[in-house]
Amino acid sequence: MYSSRKICLPITVILLAAGSLAGAAEPGSFGYGRVATPAQIAGWDIDVRGEDGAGLPPGKGTVDRGADVYAEQCAACHGTFGEGEGRFPKLVGGVGSLRDERPEPTVGSYWPFAPTLWDYINRAMPMAAPHTLSADDVYALTAYILSLNDLVPHEFVADRNSLPKVKMRNRDNFIWSDPRPDTVAAPCMNACVNAADVRISSTAEGRNLTPRTTGPLDTMQPK
């Protein structure tokens, strides 16, 4: 029969052991995992900036090569010439329609920057296997889609230098700064607006802005 004195350690020994283990871990860490290498970080650093194309990788692609990649990877959803299939979006057309009752936002009518077209194709397409195309094939697809929209000539070669120079039709219609006071106003430390001076000039009350519950939903209400 074992004695409890033979299997029980003094509480001071347990605390000292726990303290030594805690001291072995780096401060502010959980003691597992490892620091990501530059190569691993580069694998996730794939974003591309629109206006100047910062982040575009080396590589290039022609319109002709893009036509081949498009037929294989994109046409089933986006149509043979970018006209869209079923509920999949159009890539071509819609120029001048953005103020219509039913606008058609496409690469040719709506997209602001050519480099972000490369970025979207690279990270999200093809839908069934995103981020599997080579940089050259993404450049080629970008060149082909821009050509379909008559934004570049057929001999255009897309690369990190040429894409930022493409002028998209709707580029100047985007607002790049937020003019709302709560986003641009500097913090007030003195001479602030007195809350007592603030007046409500109008409300939504009585303007029928919120629809009432009518129709079939009435039958679901308790009688």
C-alpha atoms as a PDB file:
ATOM      1  CA  MET A   1       0.000   0.000   0.000  1.00  0.00           C
ATOM      2  CA  TYR A   2       1.341   3.391  -1.017  1.00  0.00           C
ATOM      3  CA  SER A   3       1.633   6.221   1.402  1.00  0.00           C
ATOM      4  CA  SER A   4       0.261   9.620   0.371  1.00  0.00           C
ATOM      5  CA  ARG A   5       3.558  11.113   1.487  1.00  0.00           C
ATOM      6  CA  LYS A   6       5.349   9.210  -1.290  1.00  0.00           C
ATOM      7  CA  ILE A   7       3.214  10.495  -4.191  1.00  0.00           C
ATOM      8  CA  CYS A   8       2.343  14.029  -3.127  1.00  0.00           C
ATOM      9  CA  LEU A   9       4.818  16.843  -3.851  1.00  0.00           C
ATOM     10  CA  PRO A  10       4.970  19.924  -1.694  1.00  0.00           C
ATOM     11  CA  ILE A  11       2.948  22.778  -3.101  1.00  0.00           C
ATOM     12  CA  THR A  12       6.054  24.947  -3.225  1.00  0.00           C
ATOM     13  CA  VAL A  13       7.751  22.508  -5.625  1.00  0.00           C
ATOM     14  CA  ILE A  14       4.725  22.532  -7.941  1.00  0.00           C
ATOM     15  CA  LEU A  15       4.604  26.321  -8.008  1.00  0.00           C
ATOM     16  CA  LEU A  16       8.333  26.587  -8.707  1.00  0.00           C
ATOM     17  CA  ALA A  17       8.041  24.127 -11.598  1.00  0.00           C
ATOM     18  CA  ALA A  18       5.092  26.010 -13.071  1.00  0.00           C
ATOM     19  CA  GLY A  19       6.975  29.262 -12.797  1.00  0.00           C
ATOM     20  CA  SER A  20      10.003  27.887 -14.601  1.00  0.00           C
ATOM     21  CA  LEU A  21       7.831  26.604 -17.480  1.00  0.00           C
ATOM     22  CA  ALA A  22       6.078  29.944 -17.797  1.00  0.00           C
ATOM     23  CA  GLY A  23       9.414  31.706 -17.915  1.00  0.00           C
ATOM     24  CA  ALA A  24      10.541  29.499 -20.794  1.00  0.00           C
ATOM     25  CA  ALA A  25       7.888  30.946 -23.124  1.00  0.00           C
ATOM     26  CA  GLU A  26       8.558  34.242 -24.863  1.00  0.00           C
ATOM     27  CA  PRO A  27       6.838  37.232 -23.256  1.00  0.00           C
ATOM     28  CA  GLY A  28       3.531  38.018 -24.933  1.00  0.00           C
ATOM     29  CA  SER A  29       3.272  34.721 -26.806  1.00  0.00           C
ATOM     30  CA  PHE A  30       1.492  31.415 -26.302  1.00  0.00           C
ATOM     31  CA  GLY A  31       4.647  29.394 -26.830  1.00  0.00           C
ATOM     32  CA  TYR A  32       3.685  27.724 -30.090  1.00  0.00           C
ATOM     33  CA  GLY A  33       3.914  28.477 -33.796  1.00  0.00           C
ATOM     34  CA  ARG A  34       6.795  30.150 -35.565  1.00  0.00           C
ATOM     35  CA  VAL A  35       7.560  33.458 -37.200  1.00  0.00           C
ATOM     36  CA  ALA A  36       6.428  33.616 -40.846  1.00  0.00           C
ATOM     37  CA  THR A  37       9.249  33.718 -43.359  1.00  0.00           C
ATOM     38  CA  PRO A  38       9.477  36.466 -46.002  1.00  0.00           C
ATOM     39  CA  ALA A  39       8.570  33.874 -48.647  1.00  0.00           C
ATOM     40  CA  GLN A  40       5.422  32.870 -46.755  1.00  0.00           C
ATOM     41  CA  ILE A  41       4.384  36.499 -46.318  1.00  0.00           C
ATOM     42  CA  ALA A  42       4.993  37.154 -50.014  1.00  0.00           C
ATOM     43  CA  GLY A  43       2.590  34.339 -50.863  1.00  0.00           C
ATOM     44  CA  TRP A  44      -0.235  36.273 -49.206  1.00  0.00           C
ATOM     45  CA  ASP A  45       0.871  39.727 -50.303  1.00  0.00           C
ATOM     46  CA  ILE A  46      -1.037  39.749 -53.591  1.00  0.00           C
ATOM     47  CA  ASP A  47      -3.048  42.975 -53.470  1.00  0.00           C
ATOM     48  CA  VAL A  48      -2.657  45.472 -56.303  1.00  0.00           C
ATOM     49  CA  ARG A  49      -3.287  49.203 -56.013  1.00  0.00           C
ATOM     50  CA  GLY A  50      -5.520  50.712 -58.657  1.00  0.00           C
ATOM     51  CA  GLU A  51      -4.238  54.112 -59.675  1.00  0.00           C
ATOM     52  CA  ASP A  52      -0.530  53.324 -60.036  1.00  0.00           C
ATOM     53  CA  GLY A  53      -0.588  49.515 -60.195  1.00  0.00           C
ATOM     54  CA  ALA A  54       1.645  49.077 -57.158  1.00  0.00           C
ATOM     55  CA  GLY A  55       1.852  45.372 -56.372  1.00  0.00           C
ATOM     56  CA  LEU A  56       1.614  44.114 -59.944  1.00  0.00           C
ATOM     57  CA  PRO A  57       4.123  41.267 -60.385  1.00  0.00           C
ATOM     58  CA  PRO A  58       6.567  40.691 -63.240  1.00  0.00           C
ATOM     59  CA  GLY A  59       5.088  39.115 -66.358  1.00  0.00           C
ATOM     60  CA  LYS A  60       3.145  40.039 -69.471  1.00  0.00           C
ATOM     61  CA  GLY A  61       0.319  38.845 -71.656  1.00  0.00           C
ATOM     62  CA  THR A  62      -1.006  39.486 -75.154  1.00  0.00           C
ATOM     63  CA  VAL A  63      -4.576  39.795 -76.394  1.00  0.00           C
ATOM     64  CA  ASP A  64      -4.221  36.663 -78.530  1.00  0.00           C
ATOM     65  CA  ARG A  65      -3.005  34.596 -75.590  1.00  0.00           C
ATOM     66  CA  GLY A  66      -5.835  36.029 -73.509  1.00  0.00           C
ATOM     67  CA  ALA A  67      -8.400  34.869 -76.067  1.00  0.00           C
ATOM     68  CA  ASP A  68      -7.164  31.284 -75.677  1.00  0.00           C
ATOM     69  CA  VAL A  69      -7.190  31.419 -71.863  1.00  0.00           C
ATOM     70  CA  TYR A  70     -10.607  33.066 -71.882  1.00  0.00           C
ATOM     71  CA  ALA A  71     -12.113  30.354 -74.109  1.00  0.00           C
ATOM     72  CA  GLU A  72     -10.811  27.686 -71.749  1.00  0.00           C
ATOM     73  CA  GLN A  73     -11.375  29.286 -68.351  1.00  0.00           C
ATOM     74  CA  CYS A  74     -14.035  32.012 -68.668  1.00  0.00           C
ATOM     75  CA  ALA A  75     -16.389  31.652 -71.635  1.00  0.00           C
ATOM     76  CA  ALA A  76     -18.626  29.041 -69.998  1.00  0.00           C
ATOM     77  CA  CYS A  77     -19.794  31.658 -67.474  1.00  0.00           C
ATOM     78  CA  HIS A  78     -19.144  35.020 -69.102  1.00  0.00           C
ATOM     79  CA  GLY A  79     -20.078  34.167 -72.698  1.00  0.00           C
ATOM     80  CA  THR A  80     -17.985  33.776 -75.810  1.00  0.00           C
ATOM     81  CA  PHE A  81     -17.483  37.527 -76.176  1.00  0.00           C
ATOM     82  CA  GLY A  82     -18.127  38.678 -72.603  1.00  0.00           C
ATOM     83  CA  GLU A  83     -21.898  38.943 -73.041  1.00  0.00           C
ATOM     84  CA  GLY A  84     -22.594  36.791 -69.969  1.00  0.00           C
ATOM     85  CA  GLU A  85     -24.288  33.425 -69.638  1.00  0.00           C
ATOM     86  CA  GLY A  86     -27.412  32.944 -67.535  1.00  0.00           C
ATOM     87  CA  ARG A  87     -27.023  34.844 -64.287  1.00  0.00           C
ATOM     88  CA  PHE A  88     -23.271  35.294 -64.655  1.00  0.00           C
ATOM     89  CA  PRO A  89     -22.244  38.931 -65.163  1.00  0.00           C
ATOM     90  CA  LYS A  90     -21.454  40.611 -68.439  1.00  0.00           C
ATOM     91  CA  LEU A  91     -17.920  41.819 -68.989  1.00  0.00           C
ATOM     92  CA  VAL A  92     -18.619  43.853 -72.114  1.00  0.00           C
ATOM     93  CA  GLY A  93     -21.159  46.521 -73.028  1.00  0.00           C
ATOM     94  CA  GLY A  94     -23.276  48.874 -70.977  1.00  0.00           C
ATOM     95  CA  VAL A  95     -21.371  51.975 -72.068  1.00  0.00           C
ATOM     96  CA  GLY A  96     -23.511  55.031 -71.327  1.00  0.00           C
ATOM     97  CA  SER A  97     -26.060  53.049 -69.305  1.00  0.00           C
ATOM     98  CA  LEU A  98     -25.018  53.929 -65.770  1.00  0.00           C
ATOM     99  CA  ARG A  99     -27.646  56.672 -65.465  1.00  0.00           C
ATOM    100  CA  ASP A 100     -30.385  54.487 -66.940  1.00  0.00           C
ATOM    101  CA  GLU A 101     -33.119  52.835 -64.930  1.00  0.00           C
ATOM    102  CA  ARG A 102     -31.353  49.494 -65.427  1.00  0.00           C
ATOM    103  CA  PRO A 103     -27.626  50.264 -65.704  1.00  0.00           C
ATOM    104  CA  GLU A 104     -25.192  47.629 -66.951  1.00  0.00           C
ATOM    105  CA  PRO A 105     -21.990  47.843 -64.899  1.00  0.00           C
ATOM    106  CA  THR A 106     -19.269  46.044 -66.868  1.00  0.00           C
ATOM    107  CA  VAL A 107     -15.527  46.354 -67.249  1.00  0.00           C
ATOM    108  CA  GLY A 108     -16.106  48.716 -70.153  1.00  0.00           C
ATOM    109  CA  SER A 109     -18.789  50.879 -68.561  1.00  0.00           C
ATOM    110  CA  TYR A 110     -18.029  50.920 -64.843  1.00  0.00           C
ATOM    111  CA  TRP A 111     -14.563  49.672 -63.883  1.00  0.00           C
ATOM    112  CA  PRO A 112     -12.256  52.507 -62.709  1.00  0.00           C
ATOM    113  CA  PHE A 113      -8.725  51.041 -62.983  1.00  0.00           C
ATOM    114  CA  ALA A 114      -7.160  48.410 -65.232  1.00  0.00           C
ATOM    115  CA  PRO A 115      -4.710  47.145 -62.532  1.00  0.00           C
ATOM    116  CA  THR A 116      -7.591  46.199 -60.228  1.00  0.00           C
ATOM    117  CA  LEU A 117      -9.072  44.117 -63.047  1.00  0.00           C
ATOM    118  CA  TRP A 118      -5.830  42.121 -62.973  1.00  0.00           C
ATOM    119  CA  ASP A 119      -6.092  41.948 -59.181  1.00  0.00           C
ATOM    120  CA  TYR A 120      -9.660  40.612 -59.228  1.00  0.00           C
ATOM    121  CA  ILE A 121      -8.981  37.992 -61.879  1.00  0.00           C
ATOM    122  CA  ASN A 122      -5.846  36.900 -60.041  1.00  0.00           C
ATOM    123  CA  ARG A 123      -7.467  36.427 -56.636  1.00  0.00           C
ATOM    124  CA  ALA A 124     -10.974  35.290 -57.569  1.00  0.00           C
ATOM    125  CA  MET A 125     -10.996  33.607 -60.982  1.00  0.00           C
ATOM    126  CA  PRO A 126     -11.759  31.092 -62.320  1.00  0.00           C
ATOM    127  CA  MET A 127     -14.624  30.660 -59.895  1.00  0.00           C
ATOM    128  CA  ALA A 128     -14.106  26.916 -59.392  1.00  0.00           C
ATOM    129  CA  ALA A 129     -10.347  27.266 -58.792  1.00  0.00           C
ATOM    130  CA  PRO A 130      -9.447  30.838 -57.818  1.00  0.00           C
ATOM    131  CA  HIS A 131      -5.846  32.050 -57.722  1.00  0.00           C
ATOM    132  CA  THR A 132      -4.600  29.178 -59.869  1.00  0.00           C
ATOM    133  CA  LEU A 133      -3.733  31.120 -63.037  1.00  0.00           C
ATOM    134  CA  SER A 134      -0.168  32.203 -63.697  1.00  0.00           C
ATOM    135  CA  ALA A 135       0.675  35.892 -63.655  1.00  0.00           C
ATOM    136  CA  ASP A 136       1.236  35.795 -67.420  1.00  0.00           C
ATOM    137  CA  ASP A 137      -2.191  34.262 -68.058  1.00  0.00           C
ATOM    138  CA  VAL A 138      -3.842  36.856 -65.819  1.00  0.00           C
ATOM    139  CA  TYR A 139      -2.093  39.596 -67.778  1.00  0.00           C
ATOM    140  CA  ALA A 140      -3.284  37.976 -71.007  1.00  0.00           C
ATOM    141  CA  LEU A 141      -6.894  37.744 -69.770  1.00  0.00           C
ATOM    142  CA  THR A 142      -6.786  41.366 -68.669  1.00  0.00           C
ATOM    143  CA  ALA A 143      -5.498  42.435 -72.090  1.00  0.00           C
ATOM    144  CA  TYR A 144      -8.185  40.408 -73.869  1.00  0.00           C
ATOM    145  CA  ILE A 145     -11.078  41.767 -71.766  1.00  0.00           C
ATOM    146  CA  LEU A 146      -9.838  45.330 -72.199  1.00  0.00           C
ATOM    147  CA  SER A 147      -9.618  44.702 -75.941  1.00  0.00           C
ATOM    148  CA  LEU A 148     -13.178  43.329 -76.049  1.00  0.00           C
ATOM    149  CA  ASN A 149     -14.276  46.630 -74.532  1.00  0.00           C
ATOM    150  CA  ASP A 150     -12.310  48.670 -77.102  1.00  0.00           C
ATOM    151  CA  LEU A 151     -10.164  50.138 -74.350  1.00  0.00           C
ATOM    152  CA  VAL A 152      -6.859  48.961 -75.857  1.00  0.00           C
ATOM    153  CA  PRO A 153      -5.777  48.007 -79.391  1.00  0.00           C
ATOM    154  CA  HIS A 154      -5.381  44.381 -80.436  1.00  0.00           C
ATOM    155  CA  GLU A 155      -1.576  44.606 -80.283  1.00  0.00           C
ATOM    156  CA  PHE A 156      -1.668  45.750 -76.653  1.00  0.00           C
ATOM    157  CA  VAL A 157       0.610  43.860 -74.241  1.00  0.00           C
ATOM    158  CA  ALA A 158      -0.423  43.979 -70.605  1.00  0.00           C
ATOM    159  CA  ASP A 159       2.272  44.231 -67.963  1.00  0.00           C
ATOM    160  CA  ARG A 160       3.040  46.125 -64.764  1.00  0.00           C
ATOM    161  CA  ASN A 161       3.977  49.264 -66.732  1.00  0.00           C
ATOM    162  CA  SER A 162       1.232  49.362 -69.380  1.00  0.00           C
ATOM    163  CA  LEU A 163      -1.846  48.593 -67.260  1.00  0.00           C
ATOM    164  CA  PRO A 164      -1.710  51.723 -65.050  1.00  0.00           C
ATOM    165  CA  LYS A 165      -1.644  53.827 -68.243  1.00  0.00           C
ATOM    166  CA  VAL A 166      -4.965  52.471 -69.541  1.00  0.00           C
ATOM    167  CA  LYS A 167      -7.681  55.129 -69.175  1.00  0.00           C
ATOM    168  CA  MET A 168     -10.922  53.445 -68.150  1.00  0.00           C
ATOM    169  CA  ARG A 169     -14.167  55.136 -69.217  1.00  0.00           C
ATOM    170  CA  ASN A 170     -15.665  55.593 -65.769  1.00  0.00           C
ATOM    171  CA  ARG A 171     -12.482  56.477 -63.908  1.00  0.00           C
ATOM    172  CA  ASP A 172     -13.293  60.150 -63.391  1.00  0.00           C
ATOM    173  CA  ASN A 173     -16.770  59.432 -62.014  1.00  0.00           C
ATOM    174  CA  PHE A 174     -15.542  57.809 -58.815  1.00  0.00           C
ATOM    175  CA  ILE A 175     -15.308  59.886 -55.631  1.00  0.00           C
ATOM    176  CA  TRP A 176     -12.054  59.087 -53.835  1.00  0.00           C
ATOM    177  CA  SER A 177     -12.533  61.259 -50.746  1.00  0.00           C
ATOM    178  CA  ASP A 178     -15.359  61.019 -48.246  1.00  0.00           C
ATOM    179  CA  PRO A 179     -16.839  64.497 -47.719  1.00  0.00           C
ATOM    180  CA  ARG A 180     -19.030  63.597 -44.742  1.00  0.00           C
ATOM    181  CA  PRO A 181     -18.224  65.779 -41.698  1.00  0.00           C
ATOM    182  CA  ASP A 182     -17.928  62.819 -39.344  1.00  0.00           C
ATOM    183  CA  THR A 183     -15.081  61.418 -41.453  1.00  0.00           C
ATOM    184  CA  VAL A 184     -13.124  64.583 -42.251  1.00  0.00           C
ATOM    185  CA  ALA A 185     -13.790  66.888 -39.300  1.00  0.00           C
ATOM    186  CA  ALA A 186     -10.850  67.395 -36.959  1.00  0.00           C
ATOM    187  CA  PRO A 187     -11.392  66.471 -33.292  1.00  0.00           C
ATOM    188  CA  CYS A 188     -12.790  69.421 -31.380  1.00  0.00           C
ATOM    189  CA  MET A 189     -10.811  70.456 -28.293  1.00  0.00           C
ATOM    190  CA  ASN A 190     -12.129  74.008 -27.880  1.00  0.00           C
ATOM    191  CA  ALA A 191     -14.717  76.361 -29.408  1.00  0.00           C
ATOM    192  CA  CYS A 192     -16.838  73.318 -30.178  1.00  0.00           C
ATOM    193  CA  VAL A 193     -20.433  73.524 -31.350  1.00  0.00           C
ATOM    194  CA  ASN A 194     -22.724  73.832 -28.366  1.00  0.00           C
ATOM    195  CA  ALA A 195     -25.191  70.985 -28.248  1.00  0.00           C
ATOM    196  CA  ALA A 196     -27.841  73.477 -27.186  1.00  0.00           C
ATOM    197  CA  ASP A 197     -27.429  75.257 -30.523  1.00  0.00           C
ATOM    198  CA  VAL A 198     -28.212  72.116 -32.535  1.00  0.00           C
ATOM    199  CA  ARG A 199     -31.741  72.034 -33.901  1.00  0.00           C
ATOM    200  CA  ILE A 200     -33.620  69.270 -35.719  1.00  0.00           C
ATOM    201  CA  SER A 201     -34.710  70.792 -39.025  1.00  0.00           C
ATOM    202  CA  SER A 202     -36.704  67.844 -40.353  1.00  0.00           C
ATOM    203  CA  THR A 203     -37.653  64.280 -39.535  1.00  0.00           C
ATOM    204  CA  ALA A 204     -39.014  61.265 -41.370  1.00  0.00           C
ATOM    205  CA  GLU A 205     -42.195  61.349 -39.319  1.00  0.00           C
ATOM    206  CA  GLY A 206     -45.338  61.642 -41.397  1.00  0.00           C
ATOM    207  CA  ARG A 207     -43.555  61.205 -44.731  1.00  0.00           C
ATOM    208  CA  ASN A 208     -44.569  57.584 -45.328  1.00  0.00           C
ATOM    209  CA  LEU A 209     -40.937  56.569 -45.709  1.00  0.00           C
ATOM    210  CA  THR A 210     -41.393  53.327 -43.796  1.00  0.00           C
ATOM    211  CA  PRO A 211     -43.942  50.988 -45.414  1.00  0.00           C
ATOM    212  CA  ARG A 212     -46.555  49.477 -43.181  1.00  0.00           C
ATOM    213  CA  THR A 213     -47.096  45.744 -42.942  1.00  0.00           C
ATOM    214  CA  THR A 214     -49.722  45.000 -45.562  1.00  0.00           C
ATOM    215  CA  GLY A 215     -50.812  42.207 -47.815  1.00  0.00           C
ATOM    216  CA  PRO A 216     -50.189  38.549 -47.052  1.00  0.00           C
ATOM    217  CA  LEU A 217     -48.158  39.329 -43.944  1.00  0.00           C
ATOM    218  CA  ASP A 218     -51.357  40.556 -42.231  1.00  0.00           C
ATOM    219  CA  THR A 219     -52.606  36.982 -42.139  1.00  0.00           C
ATOM    220  CA  MET A 220     -49.635  36.048 -39.975  1.00  0.00           C
ATOM    221  CA  GLN A 221     -50.431  38.611 -37.301  1.00  0.00           C
ATOM    222  CA  PRO A 222     -52.303  37.494 -34.170  1.00  0.00           C
ATOM    223  CA  LYS A 223     -55.989  38.430 -34.253  1.00  0.00           C
END
